[in-house]
N, C-alpha and C. Protein backbone atom coordinates (compact mmCIF):
# COMPACT_ATOMS: atom_id res chain seq x y z
N MET A 1 -60.10 93.56 48.58
CA MET A 1 -61.38 92.55 48.18
C MET A 1 -62.34 93.36 48.45
N ARG A 2 -63.52 93.13 47.54
CA ARG A 2 -64.93 93.72 47.88
C ARG A 2 -65.84 92.61 47.52
N PRO A 3 -65.94 91.62 48.42
CA PRO A 3 -66.95 90.39 48.05
C PRO A 3 -68.29 91.03 48.28
N LEU A 4 -68.93 90.41 47.52
CA LEU A 4 -70.51 90.91 47.36
C LEU A 4 -71.38 91.08 48.43
N PRO A 5 -71.14 90.24 49.71
CA PRO A 5 -71.85 90.48 50.92
C PRO A 5 -71.46 91.71 51.60
N ARG A 6 -69.98 91.95 51.58
CA ARG A 6 -69.53 93.21 52.03
C ARG A 6 -70.18 94.58 51.33
N VAL A 7 -70.20 94.40 50.04
CA VAL A 7 -70.77 95.55 49.24
C VAL A 7 -72.13 95.81 49.57
N LEU A 8 -72.72 94.75 49.68
CA LEU A 8 -74.36 94.70 50.01
C LEU A 8 -74.34 95.39 51.59
N ALA A 9 -73.53 94.85 52.38
CA ALA A 9 -73.74 95.50 53.88
C ALA A 9 -73.27 97.02 53.82
N GLU A 10 -72.31 97.66 53.11
CA GLU A 10 -71.97 98.96 52.90
C GLU A 10 -73.30 99.53 52.39
N ALA A 11 -74.08 99.03 51.68
CA ALA A 11 -75.36 99.81 51.17
C ALA A 11 -76.55 99.68 51.88
N GLY A 12 -76.28 98.77 53.18
CA GLY A 12 -77.53 98.58 54.32
C GLY A 12 -78.36 97.48 53.94
N TYR A 13 -77.84 96.63 53.18
CA TYR A 13 -78.41 95.33 52.85
C TYR A 13 -77.76 94.22 53.63
N PRO A 14 -78.76 93.22 54.25
CA PRO A 14 -77.96 92.14 55.10
C PRO A 14 -77.78 90.97 54.04
N SER A 15 -76.84 90.13 54.65
CA SER A 15 -76.48 88.81 53.92
C SER A 15 -76.62 87.72 55.09
N SER A 16 -76.89 86.54 54.49
CA SER A 16 -77.01 85.41 55.31
C SER A 16 -76.55 84.15 54.37
N GLY A 17 -75.63 83.51 55.17
CA GLY A 17 -75.25 82.34 54.28
C GLY A 17 -75.19 80.97 55.06
N PHE A 18 -75.71 79.73 54.26
CA PHE A 18 -76.02 78.58 54.91
C PHE A 18 -75.50 77.61 54.00
N MET A 19 -74.67 76.60 54.77
CA MET A 19 -74.17 75.51 54.10
C MET A 19 -74.16 74.44 55.13
N CYS A 20 -73.54 73.10 54.53
CA CYS A 20 -73.60 72.08 55.29
C CYS A 20 -72.54 72.09 56.47
N ARG A 21 -72.88 71.34 57.56
CA ARG A 21 -72.14 71.35 58.83
C ARG A 21 -70.53 71.36 58.62
N VAL A 22 -69.86 71.93 59.39
CA VAL A 22 -68.30 72.01 59.39
C VAL A 22 -67.88 71.48 60.59
N PRO A 23 -66.81 70.73 60.60
CA PRO A 23 -66.36 70.19 61.95
C PRO A 23 -66.28 71.31 63.05
N TRP A 24 -66.66 70.81 64.53
CA TRP A 24 -66.94 71.60 65.48
C TRP A 24 -65.83 72.59 65.75
N LEU A 25 -64.59 72.01 65.54
CA LEU A 25 -63.41 72.99 65.83
C LEU A 25 -63.25 74.06 64.72
N MET A 26 -63.79 73.88 63.62
CA MET A 26 -63.89 74.80 62.44
C MET A 26 -65.05 75.81 62.33
N ARG A 27 -65.99 75.59 63.32
CA ARG A 27 -67.11 76.54 63.20
C ARG A 27 -66.78 77.90 63.60
N GLY A 28 -65.83 78.27 64.49
CA GLY A 28 -65.69 79.38 64.73
C GLY A 28 -64.94 80.18 63.81
N ILE A 29 -64.02 79.36 63.18
CA ILE A 29 -63.23 80.07 62.00
C ILE A 29 -64.03 80.31 60.82
N ALA A 30 -65.10 79.29 60.62
CA ALA A 30 -65.79 79.55 59.30
C ALA A 30 -66.80 80.77 59.52
N ARG A 31 -67.20 80.95 60.81
CA ARG A 31 -68.11 82.26 61.19
C ARG A 31 -67.37 83.55 61.15
N ARG A 32 -65.87 83.47 61.51
CA ARG A 32 -65.09 84.65 61.43
C ARG A 32 -64.84 84.78 59.85
N ILE A 33 -64.76 83.99 59.04
CA ILE A 33 -64.50 84.02 57.63
C ILE A 33 -65.77 84.64 56.88
N ALA A 34 -66.89 84.07 57.33
CA ALA A 34 -68.27 84.64 56.81
C ALA A 34 -68.26 85.98 57.27
N GLY A 35 -68.04 86.52 58.37
CA GLY A 35 -68.12 87.92 58.85
C GLY A 35 -67.12 88.69 58.08
N ARG A 36 -65.78 88.29 57.79
CA ARG A 36 -65.07 89.05 56.99
C ARG A 36 -65.57 89.26 55.64
N LEU A 37 -66.32 88.47 55.11
CA LEU A 37 -66.86 88.44 53.78
C LEU A 37 -68.16 89.38 53.68
N GLY A 38 -68.59 89.63 55.03
CA GLY A 38 -69.61 90.63 55.20
C GLY A 38 -70.95 89.88 55.22
N VAL A 39 -71.19 88.54 55.47
CA VAL A 39 -72.16 87.78 55.83
C VAL A 39 -72.51 87.92 57.21
N GLY A 40 -73.63 88.42 57.56
CA GLY A 40 -73.92 88.82 59.06
C GLY A 40 -74.38 87.53 59.67
N THR A 41 -75.12 86.54 59.00
CA THR A 41 -75.72 85.52 59.76
C THR A 41 -75.02 84.35 58.95
N ALA A 42 -74.39 83.31 59.58
CA ALA A 42 -73.85 82.01 58.91
C ALA A 42 -74.46 80.89 59.68
N GLY A 43 -74.97 80.01 58.76
CA GLY A 43 -75.39 78.70 59.42
C GLY A 43 -74.83 77.59 58.88
N PHE A 44 -74.72 76.41 59.53
CA PHE A 44 -73.85 75.10 59.01
C PHE A 44 -74.86 73.98 59.55
N HIS A 45 -75.54 73.42 58.61
CA HIS A 45 -76.57 72.40 59.11
C HIS A 45 -76.39 71.18 58.15
N GLY A 46 -76.64 70.05 58.73
CA GLY A 46 -76.53 68.66 57.99
C GLY A 46 -75.42 68.43 56.97
N ALA A 47 -75.85 67.62 55.85
CA ALA A 47 -74.90 66.93 55.09
C ALA A 47 -75.27 67.33 53.56
N ARG A 48 -76.81 67.46 53.34
CA ARG A 48 -77.15 67.58 52.07
C ARG A 48 -78.11 69.10 51.92
N ALA A 49 -78.43 69.03 50.66
CA ALA A 49 -79.22 70.28 50.39
C ALA A 49 -80.52 70.44 51.18
N ASP A 50 -81.22 69.41 51.29
CA ASP A 50 -82.43 69.53 52.15
C ASP A 50 -82.22 69.86 53.53
N ASP A 51 -81.13 69.34 54.24
CA ASP A 51 -80.58 69.96 55.44
C ASP A 51 -80.35 71.66 55.37
N VAL A 52 -79.60 71.91 54.51
CA VAL A 52 -79.27 73.22 54.39
C VAL A 52 -80.51 74.28 54.23
N LEU A 53 -81.43 73.52 53.37
CA LEU A 53 -82.77 74.58 53.26
C LEU A 53 -83.48 74.46 54.61
N ALA A 54 -83.63 73.44 55.46
CA ALA A 54 -84.10 73.50 56.66
C ALA A 54 -83.39 74.50 57.65
N GLY A 55 -82.15 74.37 57.50
CA GLY A 55 -81.40 75.33 58.50
C GLY A 55 -81.58 76.86 58.10
N ALA A 56 -81.83 77.10 56.80
CA ALA A 56 -82.18 78.46 56.36
C ALA A 56 -83.63 78.97 56.54
N ALA A 57 -84.60 78.13 57.05
CA ALA A 57 -85.96 78.32 56.74
C ALA A 57 -86.13 79.76 57.66
N ARG A 58 -85.69 79.91 58.71
CA ARG A 58 -85.98 81.20 59.50
C ARG A 58 -85.50 82.35 58.64
N ALA A 59 -84.41 82.46 58.15
CA ALA A 59 -83.82 83.44 57.30
C ALA A 59 -84.73 83.69 56.01
N LEU A 60 -85.21 82.69 55.39
CA LEU A 60 -85.94 82.76 54.15
C LEU A 60 -87.32 83.38 54.51
N HIS A 61 -87.70 83.06 55.59
CA HIS A 61 -89.17 83.54 56.24
C HIS A 61 -88.88 85.03 56.65
N GLU A 62 -87.87 85.33 57.41
CA GLU A 62 -87.77 86.68 58.04
C GLU A 62 -87.06 87.71 57.45
N GLN A 63 -85.88 87.18 56.74
CA GLN A 63 -85.18 88.48 56.04
C GLN A 63 -85.82 88.65 54.80
N ARG A 64 -86.27 90.07 54.91
CA ARG A 64 -87.16 90.57 53.69
C ARG A 64 -86.33 91.20 52.63
N ARG A 65 -85.06 91.48 52.86
CA ARG A 65 -84.37 92.08 51.85
C ARG A 65 -82.80 91.68 51.89
N GLY A 66 -82.06 92.01 50.88
CA GLY A 66 -80.55 91.49 50.71
C GLY A 66 -80.34 90.30 50.19
N LEU A 67 -79.46 89.59 50.82
CA LEU A 67 -79.08 88.29 50.07
C LEU A 67 -78.92 87.20 51.01
N VAL A 68 -79.70 86.00 50.55
CA VAL A 68 -79.61 84.68 51.37
C VAL A 68 -78.96 83.69 50.30
N LEU A 69 -77.77 83.27 50.76
CA LEU A 69 -77.09 82.42 49.91
C LEU A 69 -77.13 81.00 50.43
N LEU A 70 -77.43 79.92 49.65
CA LEU A 70 -77.41 78.66 50.10
C LEU A 70 -76.59 77.83 49.29
N HIS A 71 -75.49 77.30 50.03
CA HIS A 71 -74.55 76.40 49.31
C HIS A 71 -75.23 74.89 49.32
N TRP A 72 -75.42 74.13 48.17
CA TRP A 72 -75.84 72.78 48.30
C TRP A 72 -74.82 71.98 47.62
N PRO A 73 -74.25 71.09 48.37
CA PRO A 73 -72.85 70.21 47.94
C PRO A 73 -73.29 68.95 47.30
N ASP A 74 -74.61 68.66 47.08
CA ASP A 74 -74.77 67.11 46.85
C ASP A 74 -74.25 66.74 45.37
N CYS A 75 -74.45 67.49 44.21
CA CYS A 75 -73.91 67.21 42.95
C CYS A 75 -72.37 67.19 42.90
N ASP A 76 -71.81 68.29 43.61
CA ASP A 76 -70.26 68.48 43.59
C ASP A 76 -69.91 67.17 44.36
N ASP A 77 -70.23 66.77 45.30
CA ASP A 77 -69.72 65.67 46.08
C ASP A 77 -69.65 64.38 45.25
N ALA A 78 -70.99 64.23 44.65
CA ALA A 78 -71.26 63.01 43.85
C ALA A 78 -70.35 63.01 42.64
N GLY A 79 -70.35 64.17 42.04
CA GLY A 79 -69.54 64.37 40.91
C GLY A 79 -67.99 64.10 41.17
N HIS A 80 -67.23 64.39 42.35
CA HIS A 80 -66.04 64.01 42.55
C HIS A 80 -65.80 62.79 43.09
N ASP A 81 -66.74 62.15 43.75
CA ASP A 81 -66.54 60.85 44.14
C ASP A 81 -66.85 59.80 43.17
N HIS A 82 -67.74 59.84 42.28
CA HIS A 82 -68.31 58.92 41.36
C HIS A 82 -68.17 59.37 39.72
N GLY A 83 -68.06 60.75 39.49
CA GLY A 83 -67.89 61.18 38.09
C GLY A 83 -69.13 61.84 37.75
N TRP A 84 -69.06 62.79 37.13
CA TRP A 84 -70.10 63.64 36.45
C TRP A 84 -71.05 62.57 35.57
N MET A 85 -72.30 62.50 35.85
CA MET A 85 -73.48 62.00 35.21
C MET A 85 -73.44 60.53 35.51
N SER A 86 -72.57 60.08 36.56
CA SER A 86 -72.78 58.72 37.08
C SER A 86 -74.29 58.56 37.72
N GLU A 87 -74.46 57.53 38.05
CA GLU A 87 -75.52 57.03 38.81
C GLU A 87 -75.84 58.02 40.08
N PRO A 88 -74.97 58.01 40.81
CA PRO A 88 -75.02 58.95 42.05
C PRO A 88 -75.21 60.23 41.87
N TYR A 89 -74.50 60.87 40.78
CA TYR A 89 -74.58 62.28 40.34
C TYR A 89 -75.97 62.34 39.79
N GLN A 90 -76.58 61.61 39.16
CA GLN A 90 -77.83 61.87 38.50
C GLN A 90 -78.84 61.70 39.80
N ARG A 91 -78.74 60.89 40.67
CA ARG A 91 -79.64 61.07 41.96
C ARG A 91 -79.35 62.25 42.74
N ALA A 92 -78.11 62.71 42.99
CA ALA A 92 -78.01 63.98 43.60
C ALA A 92 -78.61 65.20 42.74
N ALA A 93 -78.66 65.18 41.41
CA ALA A 93 -79.19 66.29 40.65
C ALA A 93 -80.57 66.22 40.80
N HIS A 94 -81.08 65.00 40.88
CA HIS A 94 -82.70 64.87 41.10
C HIS A 94 -83.10 65.47 42.42
N GLN A 95 -82.21 65.13 43.34
CA GLN A 95 -82.60 65.58 44.92
C GLN A 95 -82.51 67.25 44.87
N LEU A 96 -81.40 67.60 44.18
CA LEU A 96 -81.22 69.05 44.19
C LEU A 96 -82.44 69.72 43.47
N ASP A 97 -82.87 69.06 42.57
CA ASP A 97 -84.12 69.76 41.80
C ASP A 97 -85.35 69.63 42.66
N ALA A 98 -85.38 68.55 43.45
CA ALA A 98 -86.62 68.51 44.43
C ALA A 98 -86.58 69.70 45.45
N VAL A 99 -85.18 69.87 45.98
CA VAL A 99 -85.13 70.84 47.10
C VAL A 99 -85.31 72.37 46.53
N LEU A 100 -84.82 72.55 45.24
CA LEU A 100 -85.21 73.74 44.47
C LEU A 100 -86.56 73.93 44.44
N GLY A 101 -87.11 72.84 44.17
CA GLY A 101 -88.77 73.02 43.90
C GLY A 101 -89.49 73.46 45.31
N ARG A 102 -88.78 72.89 46.41
CA ARG A 102 -89.42 73.37 47.64
C ARG A 102 -88.99 74.80 47.97
N LEU A 103 -87.93 75.13 47.91
CA LEU A 103 -87.42 76.52 48.06
C LEU A 103 -88.36 77.43 47.02
N LEU A 104 -88.61 77.18 45.82
CA LEU A 104 -89.27 78.23 44.97
C LEU A 104 -90.71 78.07 45.37
N SER A 105 -91.26 76.87 45.86
CA SER A 105 -92.70 77.08 46.49
C SER A 105 -92.99 77.98 47.53
N GLY A 106 -91.84 78.40 48.22
CA GLY A 106 -92.07 79.19 49.19
C GLY A 106 -91.88 80.63 48.99
N VAL A 107 -91.65 80.99 47.88
CA VAL A 107 -91.27 82.28 47.46
C VAL A 107 -92.11 82.79 46.48
N ASP A 108 -92.49 84.24 46.38
CA ASP A 108 -93.26 84.70 45.31
C ASP A 108 -92.25 85.14 44.17
N LEU A 109 -92.64 84.58 42.93
CA LEU A 109 -91.66 84.97 41.88
C LEU A 109 -92.49 85.59 40.80
N GLY A 110 -93.74 86.03 41.08
CA GLY A 110 -94.66 86.72 40.03
C GLY A 110 -94.07 87.98 39.38
N PRO A 111 -94.62 88.46 38.45
CA PRO A 111 -94.18 89.76 37.80
C PRO A 111 -93.95 90.95 38.82
N ALA A 112 -94.80 91.01 39.78
CA ALA A 112 -94.60 92.16 40.75
C ALA A 112 -93.58 91.87 41.86
N SER A 113 -93.19 90.66 41.74
CA SER A 113 -92.28 90.28 42.95
C SER A 113 -90.92 90.99 43.17
N ASP A 114 -90.57 91.13 44.31
CA ASP A 114 -89.19 91.80 44.54
C ASP A 114 -88.16 90.89 44.99
N THR A 115 -88.40 89.63 44.54
CA THR A 115 -87.54 88.55 44.91
C THR A 115 -86.99 87.88 43.56
N MET A 116 -85.72 87.80 43.77
CA MET A 116 -84.88 87.01 42.60
C MET A 116 -84.26 85.88 43.03
N VAL A 117 -84.24 84.84 42.34
CA VAL A 117 -83.69 83.61 42.84
C VAL A 117 -82.56 83.39 41.71
N VAL A 118 -81.39 82.95 42.32
CA VAL A 118 -80.35 82.83 41.46
C VAL A 118 -79.93 81.31 41.52
N ALA A 119 -79.87 80.37 40.67
CA ALA A 119 -79.41 79.09 40.75
C ALA A 119 -78.23 78.81 40.03
N MET A 120 -77.13 78.27 40.50
CA MET A 120 -75.92 78.22 39.54
C MET A 120 -74.89 77.23 40.40
N ALA A 121 -74.12 76.61 39.42
CA ALA A 121 -73.12 75.62 39.98
C ALA A 121 -71.69 76.61 39.94
N ASP A 122 -70.70 76.36 40.78
CA ASP A 122 -69.52 77.11 40.83
C ASP A 122 -68.58 76.62 39.76
N HIS A 123 -68.80 75.44 38.95
CA HIS A 123 -68.07 74.95 37.93
C HIS A 123 -68.58 73.88 37.15
N GLY A 124 -68.37 73.56 36.03
CA GLY A 124 -68.74 72.44 35.28
C GLY A 124 -68.15 71.11 35.52
N GLY A 125 -68.10 70.15 34.86
CA GLY A 125 -67.56 68.88 35.29
C GLY A 125 -67.87 67.74 34.04
N GLY A 126 -67.23 66.81 34.12
CA GLY A 126 -67.36 65.55 33.01
C GLY A 126 -66.52 65.72 31.90
N GLY A 127 -65.48 66.48 32.03
CA GLY A 127 -64.67 66.75 30.69
C GLY A 127 -63.68 65.79 30.44
N THR A 128 -62.35 66.04 30.79
CA THR A 128 -61.32 65.04 30.49
C THR A 128 -61.44 64.23 31.46
N ILE A 129 -61.63 64.48 32.86
CA ILE A 129 -61.45 63.40 33.84
C ILE A 129 -62.88 63.37 34.48
N PRO A 130 -63.57 62.19 34.58
CA PRO A 130 -64.98 62.42 35.14
C PRO A 130 -65.31 62.99 36.54
N THR A 131 -64.24 62.72 37.32
CA THR A 131 -64.20 63.04 38.78
C THR A 131 -63.51 64.44 39.10
N ASN A 132 -63.16 65.27 38.00
CA ASN A 132 -62.39 66.38 38.13
C ASN A 132 -63.14 67.45 37.38
N HIS A 133 -62.69 68.67 37.35
CA HIS A 133 -63.20 69.74 36.58
C HIS A 133 -62.24 70.85 36.30
N ASP A 134 -61.00 70.39 36.15
CA ASP A 134 -59.75 71.56 36.05
C ASP A 134 -59.36 71.62 34.58
N SER A 135 -60.07 70.95 33.62
CA SER A 135 -59.28 70.78 32.37
C SER A 135 -60.04 71.82 31.54
N SER A 136 -59.61 72.17 30.34
CA SER A 136 -60.04 73.25 29.52
C SER A 136 -61.32 72.52 28.46
N HIS A 137 -61.53 71.60 28.68
CA HIS A 137 -62.73 70.74 28.09
C HIS A 137 -64.00 71.70 28.27
N PRO A 138 -64.77 71.73 27.05
CA PRO A 138 -66.10 72.51 27.19
C PRO A 138 -66.91 72.14 28.43
N LEU A 139 -67.02 70.99 28.78
CA LEU A 139 -68.01 70.50 29.68
C LEU A 139 -67.45 71.04 31.12
N ASP A 140 -66.12 71.27 31.20
CA ASP A 140 -65.63 71.63 32.50
C ASP A 140 -65.76 73.11 32.59
N ARG A 141 -65.95 73.59 31.44
CA ARG A 141 -66.13 75.35 31.40
C ARG A 141 -67.57 75.76 31.29
N THR A 142 -68.51 74.95 31.00
CA THR A 142 -70.01 75.17 30.99
C THR A 142 -70.63 75.01 32.28
N ILE A 143 -71.15 76.03 32.73
CA ILE A 143 -71.84 76.25 33.99
C ILE A 143 -73.27 76.71 33.86
N PRO A 144 -74.12 76.01 34.49
CA PRO A 144 -75.57 76.44 34.44
C PRO A 144 -75.78 77.74 35.55
N ILE A 145 -76.36 78.63 34.85
CA ILE A 145 -76.86 79.85 35.71
C ILE A 145 -78.28 80.14 35.38
N MET A 146 -79.28 80.06 36.12
CA MET A 146 -80.39 80.42 36.15
C MET A 146 -81.14 81.56 36.90
N LEU A 147 -81.87 82.52 36.40
CA LEU A 147 -82.49 83.67 37.40
C LEU A 147 -83.93 83.60 36.98
N ALA A 148 -84.75 83.74 38.08
CA ALA A 148 -86.23 83.71 38.14
C ALA A 148 -86.40 84.89 39.10
N GLY A 149 -87.94 85.27 38.85
CA GLY A 149 -88.49 86.25 39.53
C GLY A 149 -88.02 87.74 39.53
N GLY A 150 -88.44 88.55 40.06
CA GLY A 150 -88.11 90.00 40.13
C GLY A 150 -88.37 90.66 38.64
N GLY A 151 -89.44 90.23 38.19
CA GLY A 151 -89.62 90.90 36.72
C GLY A 151 -88.90 90.48 35.53
N ILE A 152 -87.90 89.40 35.82
CA ILE A 152 -86.89 88.82 34.75
C ILE A 152 -87.86 88.29 33.63
N GLU A 153 -87.55 88.66 32.56
CA GLU A 153 -88.28 87.92 31.30
C GLU A 153 -87.66 86.81 31.10
N PRO A 154 -88.58 85.76 30.87
CA PRO A 154 -87.99 84.44 30.51
C PRO A 154 -87.25 84.55 29.16
N GLY A 155 -86.14 83.76 29.03
CA GLY A 155 -85.35 83.53 27.95
C GLY A 155 -84.01 83.09 28.28
N ALA A 156 -83.27 83.03 27.21
CA ALA A 156 -81.85 82.37 27.44
C ALA A 156 -80.84 83.73 27.80
N LEU A 157 -79.95 83.28 28.51
CA LEU A 157 -78.81 84.52 28.87
C LEU A 157 -78.16 84.74 27.61
N ARG A 158 -77.67 85.93 27.67
CA ARG A 158 -76.67 86.29 26.63
C ARG A 158 -75.49 85.39 26.44
N ASP A 159 -74.94 85.54 25.12
CA ASP A 159 -73.74 84.68 25.08
C ASP A 159 -72.65 85.25 25.75
N GLY A 160 -71.82 84.26 26.22
CA GLY A 160 -70.66 84.64 26.90
C GLY A 160 -70.86 84.88 28.55
N ALA A 161 -72.19 84.64 29.03
CA ALA A 161 -72.58 84.92 30.37
C ALA A 161 -71.43 84.06 31.21
N HIS A 162 -71.12 84.43 32.38
CA HIS A 162 -69.93 84.19 32.97
C HIS A 162 -70.37 84.18 34.44
N LEU A 163 -69.94 83.28 35.52
CA LEU A 163 -69.83 83.54 36.99
C LEU A 163 -69.61 84.82 37.34
N LEU A 164 -68.76 85.61 36.88
CA LEU A 164 -68.44 86.87 37.47
C LEU A 164 -69.64 87.88 37.13
N ASP A 165 -70.60 87.44 36.41
CA ASP A 165 -71.67 88.38 36.00
C ASP A 165 -72.62 88.24 36.98
N VAL A 166 -72.71 87.27 37.71
CA VAL A 166 -73.78 87.23 38.96
C VAL A 166 -73.61 88.27 40.09
N PRO A 167 -72.60 88.55 40.63
CA PRO A 167 -72.55 89.75 41.57
C PRO A 167 -73.05 91.08 40.97
N PRO A 168 -72.64 91.32 39.88
CA PRO A 168 -73.25 92.85 39.30
C PRO A 168 -74.65 92.61 39.02
N THR A 169 -75.26 91.42 38.59
CA THR A 169 -76.62 91.23 38.39
C THR A 169 -77.25 91.26 39.73
N ILE A 170 -76.95 90.93 40.81
CA ILE A 170 -77.52 91.07 42.27
C ILE A 170 -77.50 92.38 42.55
N LEU A 171 -76.30 93.28 42.52
CA LEU A 171 -76.04 94.55 42.66
C LEU A 171 -76.94 95.49 41.96
N ARG A 172 -77.14 95.27 40.76
CA ARG A 172 -78.05 95.93 39.75
C ARG A 172 -79.44 95.83 40.25
N ALA A 173 -79.86 94.60 40.59
CA ALA A 173 -81.08 94.37 40.92
C ALA A 173 -81.84 95.03 42.18
N LEU A 174 -80.66 95.33 43.09
CA LEU A 174 -80.91 96.05 44.40
C LEU A 174 -80.52 97.41 44.05
N ARG A 175 -80.18 97.96 43.18
CA ARG A 175 -79.83 99.33 42.72
C ARG A 175 -78.59 99.64 43.68
N VAL A 176 -77.77 98.88 43.83
CA VAL A 176 -76.47 99.27 44.36
C VAL A 176 -75.26 99.42 43.47
N PRO A 177 -74.42 100.44 43.47
CA PRO A 177 -73.51 100.50 42.48
C PRO A 177 -72.64 99.34 42.41
N VAL A 178 -71.93 99.04 41.21
CA VAL A 178 -71.13 97.77 41.14
C VAL A 178 -69.63 98.42 41.23
N PRO A 179 -68.95 97.79 41.99
CA PRO A 179 -67.60 98.30 42.20
C PRO A 179 -66.80 98.34 40.87
N SER A 180 -66.00 99.26 40.60
CA SER A 180 -65.19 99.33 39.39
C SER A 180 -64.33 97.97 39.13
N ILE A 181 -63.96 97.32 40.42
CA ILE A 181 -62.91 96.43 40.10
C ILE A 181 -63.74 95.17 39.65
N TYR A 182 -65.10 95.01 39.73
CA TYR A 182 -65.82 93.80 39.48
C TYR A 182 -65.74 93.71 37.84
N GLU A 183 -65.39 92.39 37.24
CA GLU A 183 -65.03 92.31 35.95
C GLU A 183 -66.46 91.77 35.23
N GLY A 184 -67.37 91.43 35.84
CA GLY A 184 -68.49 90.93 35.31
C GLY A 184 -69.59 92.17 34.92
N ARG A 185 -70.55 91.84 34.25
CA ARG A 185 -71.76 92.73 33.89
C ARG A 185 -72.93 92.02 34.10
N SER A 186 -74.06 92.86 34.29
CA SER A 186 -75.30 92.28 34.71
C SER A 186 -75.96 91.45 33.60
N LEU A 187 -76.53 90.26 34.00
CA LEU A 187 -77.17 89.47 33.15
C LEU A 187 -78.57 89.86 32.73
N VAL A 188 -79.13 90.82 33.55
CA VAL A 188 -80.44 91.42 33.04
C VAL A 188 -80.32 92.55 32.37
N ASP A 189 -81.55 92.91 31.69
CA ASP A 189 -81.51 94.00 30.58
C ASP A 189 -80.81 95.29 31.27
N GLU A 190 -79.93 95.80 30.56
CA GLU A 190 -79.17 96.89 31.17
C GLU A 190 -80.17 98.25 30.99
N ALA A 191 -81.12 98.16 30.05
CA ALA A 191 -81.88 99.43 29.93
C ALA A 191 -83.03 99.80 30.96
N GLU A 192 -83.47 98.70 31.65
CA GLU A 192 -84.45 98.81 32.59
C GLU A 192 -84.01 98.31 34.07
N PRO A 193 -84.12 99.32 34.98
CA PRO A 193 -83.58 98.89 36.38
C PRO A 193 -84.79 97.83 36.74
N SER A 194 -84.11 96.79 37.50
CA SER A 194 -85.03 95.81 38.15
C SER A 194 -85.92 96.34 39.01
N ALA A 195 -87.05 95.47 39.22
CA ALA A 195 -87.92 95.87 40.39
C ALA A 195 -87.56 95.28 41.89
N LEU A 196 -86.25 95.02 42.08
CA LEU A 196 -85.86 94.31 43.07
C LEU A 196 -85.39 95.51 44.24
N ALA A 197 -85.35 96.75 43.88
CA ALA A 197 -84.87 97.75 44.83
C ALA A 197 -86.06 97.61 46.15
N GLY A 198 -85.43 97.87 47.20
CA GLY A 198 -86.25 97.81 48.50
C GLY A 198 -85.60 97.42 49.77
């Protein structure tokens, strides 16, 4: 197994990960799992995206290189509890949009920036069963992936973009060789290396 944070650590890049609070008895286990994956700093804060962002504030300010991962559960929780595109889901999506706006207001994403932001979901939803995402319905298989900063040119991602393409994209941006076992390929222009090495 070659998880992205471990590959980055082997190349000298730190990784930090932040998610919602886990039960007290599980925190030690969660930190050990994060460590085994290669995450050097793991934080567990609150119950919503704004709590996670607040918990990650120090790392976002001080960690100048590598990967900072934020897991925001708001839409996923609302989708499973009430159904995709339900009123609670839509409120959660608006909340996530506001929190993403706060995150983006604190980073330089200009043309000369060495920061790249990847915003994505881990699955689609709203297909066959509104509270689940396990079917072959196109809505369950359609996943938003957005990239910004680091000299990335605005435009649509290539056809067939997949979640497996995100780790090679991050590695390529940092000029770290992509392990041969990775199935995805970079989502950014293959001809020009990104400005994100550093």
